[in-house]
Amino acid sequence: MTEDPFLTHRSLLFTVAYETLGSATDAEDVLQESWLRWAGIDHAQVSAPRAYLVRLVTRQALNRLRTLSRIREDYVGEWLPEPLLTSPDVAEDIDLVENVSIAMLTVLETLTPTERAVFVLREVFEMPYGEIAEAVEKSAATVRQIARRARDRVAARQPRVRVSQSEQQIVVERFLAAVRSGQVKELMEVLAPDVVLIVDGGGLASAARAPIHGAELVAESLARPNRTVSAVWLNGAPAGRIETDGQVAAVSLVVENGRVSRIHAVANPQKLRRLGEPTKLVR
C-alpha cells in the first residue's frame, strides 16, 4: 500500500512551516490544519503532491504568521525563535543549517509575512518562482520583486563572515567552558568586544528585558556560580544548554573572527519543549 504523500513529506512540510514561523509549536498546528484540508480533497486529482502540499502548508503558515505578528507585539521582553534539538548529521546540509539557524530565524523576523514566505521558498527550498507565486497568491513578476527585496534585507543583517562547523564547535566549547568556570576573565577572552546578549524569558523566566551590549556587561551577566553546562546541537549547529537554579536556557552563538559576537539564549519554558529528542529537518 502506497504511503500517503503527506506522511512521506511530513519532515519537509514541518521544516517549511518552522522556517516560516520560527515556532515549532505553531508549525505543528499548521501541519494539523493542512492535514485536515488535505484529507478533504480528491488526491487522485493532484498531479504533483509534494508541490501541492508545500503550497498548502505555506498558505496556512502565512495565515498563522499574520496573526502571530500581532501577538508578538505584546510579547514580554525580547522574542526569539523556538530552538530545536537536532542530530549532528543535519549539519551536512550547510545551506539548510545556515537558513534554520536561530540567528537567521531572528533576521527573518524583520521581514513582512509575504517576504518571509517568498524568501524561505526561494532561498531555502529553491522553488521556481511560478510555484511560489501560486503559494503566496501573487504574480510571478511580483514574487521576483519580493524575493529580491527580501534577499537585500536579509543580507544587510546577516553575520559578516561564515565560519566552518569545526571553528564554530571550537569557539562554542571555549564559551561553555568559560561559563562553567563562572569567571568574568575567562568569559571576556572568548567574547567579542561588541558582543550582544539577547535573552528570551517571555515573562516566565528571569531574563533581561532588553539586549545587553559589550563584553564586560555580558561577561558579568553570565558569570554565575553553580551552573550546569552541557553541549548540544540546536538547529543543526553546536550550541549549549545552561541550567541555573533549575532554570534552563538553550543558547545559540554567532561566531566571528574566533570569538562570540552574538548570544541568543531562550529561557522561556514554553519554547524548550522540543529539547527532549532530535527534530528531523530536511529540504
Protein backbone atom coordinates (compact mmCIF):
# COMPACT_ATOMS: atom_id res chain seq x y z
CA MET A 1 0.00 0.00 0.00
CA THR A 2 1.47 3.39 -1.03
CA GLU A 3 2.13 5.74 1.88
CA ASP A 4 0.15 8.97 1.98
CA PRO A 5 2.23 11.78 0.38
CA PHE A 6 1.57 13.94 3.44
CA LEU A 7 3.34 11.40 5.65
CA THR A 8 6.10 10.91 3.09
CA HIS A 9 6.88 14.63 3.03
CA ARG A 10 6.00 15.44 6.65
CA SER A 11 9.54 16.39 7.70
CA LEU A 12 9.85 18.69 4.69
CA LEU A 13 6.47 20.29 5.41
CA PHE A 14 7.41 20.81 9.06
CA THR A 15 10.67 22.46 8.01
CA VAL A 16 8.80 24.82 5.65
CA ALA A 17 6.33 25.78 8.38
CA TYR A 18 9.01 26.14 11.07
CA GLU A 19 11.26 28.26 8.86
CA THR A 20 8.30 30.49 8.02
CA LEU A 21 7.06 30.83 11.60
CA GLY A 22 10.11 30.45 13.85
CA SER A 23 7.99 28.33 16.17
CA ALA A 24 7.82 24.53 16.27
CA THR A 25 4.58 24.64 18.24
CA ASP A 26 2.88 26.80 15.63
CA ALA A 27 4.44 24.75 12.82
CA GLU A 28 2.81 21.62 14.25
CA ASP A 29 -0.54 23.42 14.42
CA VAL A 30 -0.13 24.44 10.77
CA LEU A 31 0.61 20.85 9.78
CA GLN A 32 -2.52 19.68 11.60
CA GLU A 33 -4.65 22.27 9.79
CA SER A 34 -3.03 21.35 6.47
CA TRP A 35 -3.60 17.65 7.08
CA LEU A 36 -7.32 18.24 7.61
CA ARG A 37 -7.52 20.20 4.35
CA TRP A 38 -5.51 17.53 2.52
CA ALA A 39 -7.78 14.80 3.84
CA GLY A 40 -10.79 16.61 2.41
CA ILE A 41 -9.72 16.64 -1.26
CA ASP A 42 -9.56 14.01 -4.00
CA HIS A 43 -5.89 13.01 -4.04
CA ALA A 44 -6.26 11.44 -7.47
CA GLN A 45 -6.71 14.95 -8.90
CA VAL A 46 -3.32 16.11 -7.54
CA SER A 47 -0.62 15.54 -10.16
CA ALA A 48 2.32 16.78 -8.06
CA PRO A 49 1.59 16.04 -4.39
CA ARG A 50 4.88 17.43 -3.00
CA ALA A 51 4.47 20.83 -4.65
CA TYR A 52 0.77 20.91 -3.79
CA LEU A 53 1.45 20.16 -0.12
CA VAL A 54 4.19 22.78 0.12
CA ARG A 55 1.78 25.37 -1.29
CA LEU A 56 -0.93 24.25 1.12
CA VAL A 57 1.35 24.45 4.15
CA THR A 58 2.76 27.81 3.05
CA ARG A 59 -0.71 29.33 2.79
CA GLN A 60 -1.65 28.06 6.24
CA ALA A 61 1.68 29.26 7.67
CA LEU A 62 1.15 32.71 6.15
CA ASN A 63 -2.28 32.96 7.77
CA ARG A 64 -0.80 31.94 11.10
CA LEU A 65 2.18 34.30 10.73
CA ARG A 66 -0.04 37.32 10.18
CA THR A 67 -1.83 36.53 13.43
CA LEU A 68 1.42 35.87 15.29
CA SER A 69 2.91 39.17 14.12
CA ARG A 70 0.21 41.00 16.04
CA ILE A 71 0.55 38.78 19.11
CA ARG A 72 4.34 39.15 19.25
CA GLU A 73 3.98 42.93 19.51
CA ASP A 74 2.75 42.35 23.09
CA TYR A 75 5.41 39.74 23.97
CA VAL A 76 7.16 40.35 27.30
CA GLY A 77 10.82 41.20 26.70
CA GLU A 78 12.84 40.01 23.72
CA TRP A 79 11.27 37.45 21.37
CA LEU A 80 13.49 34.69 19.95
CA PRO A 81 12.66 31.69 17.75
CA GLU A 82 11.91 28.34 19.36
CA PRO A 83 15.11 26.23 19.35
CA LEU A 84 15.12 22.65 18.12
CA LEU A 85 17.36 19.84 19.29
CA THR A 86 18.89 18.26 16.17
CA SER A 87 21.36 15.49 15.44
CA PRO A 88 24.86 16.40 14.15
CA ASP A 89 24.13 14.94 10.71
CA VAL A 90 21.81 17.88 9.93
CA ALA A 91 25.00 19.96 9.66
CA GLU A 92 25.92 18.09 6.46
CA ASP A 93 23.49 20.34 4.56
CA ILE A 94 25.38 23.60 5.05
CA ASP A 95 22.81 25.80 3.30
CA LEU A 96 19.93 24.33 5.32
CA VAL A 97 21.80 24.83 8.59
CA GLU A 98 22.54 28.46 7.76
CA ASN A 99 18.90 29.12 7.00
CA VAL A 100 17.39 27.36 10.04
CA SER A 101 19.89 28.83 12.50
CA ILE A 102 18.49 30.86 15.38
CA ALA A 103 20.44 33.85 14.03
CA MET A 104 18.81 33.58 10.60
CA LEU A 105 15.33 32.97 12.01
CA THR A 106 15.80 36.12 14.10
CA VAL A 107 16.73 38.07 10.97
CA LEU A 108 13.66 36.71 9.17
CA GLU A 109 11.51 38.29 11.87
CA THR A 110 12.34 41.66 10.28
CA LEU A 111 10.56 40.69 7.04
CA THR A 112 6.88 41.02 6.27
CA PRO A 113 4.96 37.71 6.28
CA THR A 114 4.88 37.55 2.47
CA GLU A 115 8.57 38.48 2.15
CA ARG A 116 9.44 35.77 4.64
CA ALA A 117 7.44 33.08 2.85
CA VAL A 118 8.92 34.03 -0.52
CA PHE A 119 12.46 34.10 0.88
CA VAL A 120 12.06 30.69 2.52
CA LEU A 121 10.59 29.00 -0.54
CA ARG A 122 13.12 30.53 -2.92
CA GLU A 123 16.37 30.69 -0.94
CA VAL A 124 15.94 27.65 1.29
CA PHE A 125 13.89 25.27 -0.81
CA GLU A 126 14.81 26.63 -4.26
CA MET A 127 11.26 26.54 -5.57
CA PRO A 128 10.54 28.02 -9.02
CA TYR A 129 9.00 31.50 -9.00
CA GLY A 130 5.86 30.16 -10.63
CA GLU A 131 5.20 27.70 -7.79
CA ILE A 132 5.95 30.35 -5.17
CA ALA A 133 3.50 32.68 -6.90
CA GLU A 134 0.76 30.07 -6.50
CA ALA A 135 1.66 29.53 -2.85
CA VAL A 136 1.51 33.21 -1.88
CA GLU A 137 -1.19 34.11 -4.42
CA LYS A 138 0.84 36.76 -6.23
CA SER A 139 2.04 37.08 -9.82
CA ALA A 140 5.43 35.60 -10.72
CA ALA A 141 6.74 39.09 -11.55
CA THR A 142 5.67 40.38 -8.14
CA VAL A 143 7.26 37.39 -6.43
CA ARG A 144 10.58 38.13 -8.16
CA GLN A 145 10.50 41.69 -6.80
CA ILE A 146 9.60 40.47 -3.31
CA ALA A 147 12.40 37.88 -3.40
CA ARG A 148 14.98 40.49 -4.41
CA ARG A 149 13.84 42.89 -1.69
CA ALA A 150 13.88 40.13 0.95
CA ARG A 151 17.37 38.97 -0.08
CA ASP A 152 18.71 42.51 0.25
CA ARG A 153 17.17 42.97 3.69
CA VAL A 154 18.47 39.63 4.95
CA ALA A 155 21.97 40.22 3.52
CA ALA A 156 22.20 43.53 5.37
CA ARG A 157 21.58 41.81 8.71
CA GLN A 158 23.47 38.53 8.31
CA PRO A 159 26.77 37.84 10.12
CA ARG A 160 29.63 39.29 8.11
CA VAL A 161 31.63 36.07 7.91
CA ARG A 162 30.50 32.46 7.56
CA VAL A 163 32.58 30.16 9.77
CA SER A 164 33.20 26.44 9.36
CA GLN A 165 31.50 23.89 11.57
CA SER A 166 34.85 23.00 13.16
CA GLU A 167 35.59 26.63 14.08
CA GLN A 168 32.07 27.07 15.42
CA GLN A 169 32.45 23.97 17.58
CA ILE A 170 35.84 25.06 18.96
CA VAL A 171 34.56 28.51 19.97
CA VAL A 172 31.34 27.08 21.42
CA GLU A 173 33.35 24.65 23.55
CA ARG A 174 35.56 27.53 24.79
CA PHE A 175 32.49 29.59 25.59
CA LEU A 176 30.79 26.78 27.51
CA ALA A 177 33.98 26.09 29.46
CA ALA A 178 34.15 29.79 30.38
CA VAL A 179 30.51 29.79 31.51
CA ARG A 180 31.18 26.65 33.53
CA SER A 181 34.09 28.36 35.27
CA GLY A 182 31.91 31.28 36.31
CA GLN A 183 34.86 33.63 35.86
CA VAL A 184 34.49 37.03 34.18
CA LYS A 185 38.09 36.95 32.94
CA GLU A 186 37.65 33.64 31.11
CA LEU A 187 34.41 34.84 29.54
CA MET A 188 36.00 38.08 28.38
CA GLU A 189 38.63 36.08 26.48
CA VAL A 190 36.04 34.36 24.29
CA LEU A 191 33.64 37.29 23.78
CA ALA A 192 33.99 39.85 21.01
CA PRO A 193 34.29 43.45 22.32
CA ASP A 194 30.91 44.36 20.78
CA VAL A 195 29.13 41.11 21.69
CA VAL A 196 25.35 41.26 22.20
CA LEU A 197 23.38 39.00 24.56
CA ILE A 198 19.66 38.54 23.89
CA VAL A 199 17.61 36.52 26.38
CA ASP A 200 14.03 35.38 25.81
CA GLY A 201 12.25 34.70 29.07
CA GLY A 202 8.76 35.51 27.84
CA GLY A 203 7.83 36.81 31.28
CA LEU A 204 8.02 33.21 32.55
CA ALA A 205 11.74 33.06 33.36
CA SER A 206 14.23 35.52 34.77
CA ALA A 207 15.69 37.46 31.83
CA ALA A 208 16.84 40.93 30.83
CA ARG A 209 14.04 42.72 29.00
CA ALA A 210 16.47 44.34 26.53
CA PRO A 211 19.69 43.21 24.78
CA ILE A 212 22.94 43.53 26.76
CA HIS A 213 25.83 45.07 24.79
CA GLY A 214 29.57 44.83 25.29
CA ALA A 215 31.94 42.10 26.51
CA GLU A 216 32.21 43.36 30.10
CA LEU A 217 28.49 43.63 30.77
CA VAL A 218 27.74 40.33 29.02
CA ALA A 219 30.53 38.54 30.94
CA GLU A 220 29.24 39.89 34.24
CA SER A 221 25.74 38.73 33.33
CA LEU A 222 26.94 35.21 32.51
CA ALA A 223 29.45 34.80 35.37
CA ARG A 224 27.44 32.94 37.97
CA PRO A 225 28.46 30.00 40.17
CA ASN A 226 26.94 26.52 40.26
CA ARG A 227 25.74 26.35 36.68
CA THR A 228 25.21 23.06 34.87
CA VAL A 229 26.53 23.41 31.35
CA SER A 230 26.37 20.87 28.52
CA ALA A 231 26.99 20.90 24.77
CA VAL A 232 24.05 20.19 22.46
CA TRP A 233 23.17 20.61 18.80
CA LEU A 234 20.48 23.21 18.16
CA ASN A 235 19.10 23.90 14.70
CA GLY A 236 21.97 21.99 13.10
CA ALA A 237 24.80 23.78 14.90
CA PRO A 238 26.92 23.28 18.05
CA ALA A 239 25.28 25.10 20.95
CA GLY A 240 24.76 24.87 24.71
CA ARG A 241 22.28 24.01 27.42
CA ILE A 242 22.78 26.02 30.61
CA GLU A 243 20.87 25.37 33.83
CA THR A 244 20.91 27.82 36.73
CA ASP A 245 18.97 27.07 39.92
CA GLY A 246 16.59 24.82 37.99
CA GLN A 247 16.06 27.30 35.15
CA VAL A 248 17.15 26.02 31.73
CA ALA A 249 18.30 28.09 28.77
CA ALA A 250 19.07 26.90 25.24
CA VAL A 251 21.98 29.00 23.99
CA SER A 252 22.93 29.55 20.35
CA LEU A 253 26.00 31.52 19.34
CA VAL A 254 27.15 33.58 16.38
CA VAL A 255 30.91 33.29 15.91
CA GLU A 256 33.05 35.85 14.07
CA ASN A 257 36.85 36.05 13.97
CA GLY A 258 37.25 33.33 16.56
CA ARG A 259 35.04 34.96 19.18
CA VAL A 260 31.38 35.04 20.14
CA SER A 261 29.70 38.11 18.63
CA ARG A 262 26.07 37.36 19.48
CA ILE A 263 24.37 35.13 22.03
CA HIS A 264 20.75 34.02 21.72
CA ALA A 265 19.50 32.46 24.96
CA VAL A 266 15.97 31.05 25.12
CA ALA A 267 14.79 30.55 28.71
CA ASN A 268 11.03 30.71 28.14
CA PRO A 269 10.00 27.19 29.27
CA GLN A 270 7.18 27.09 26.71
CA LYS A 271 9.83 27.23 23.96
CA LEU A 272 12.01 24.43 25.36
CA ARG A 273 9.63 21.54 24.83
CA ARG A 274 11.47 20.23 21.74
CA LEU A 275 14.75 19.62 23.59
CA GLY A 276 13.85 16.06 24.59
CA GLU A 277 14.54 14.37 21.27
CA PRO A 278 16.04 15.46 17.93
CA THR A 279 13.80 17.01 15.27
CA LYS A 280 14.35 16.00 11.66
CA LEU A 281 14.84 19.00 9.37
CA VAL A 282 15.09 18.39 5.61
CA ARG A 283 14.85 20.19 2.29
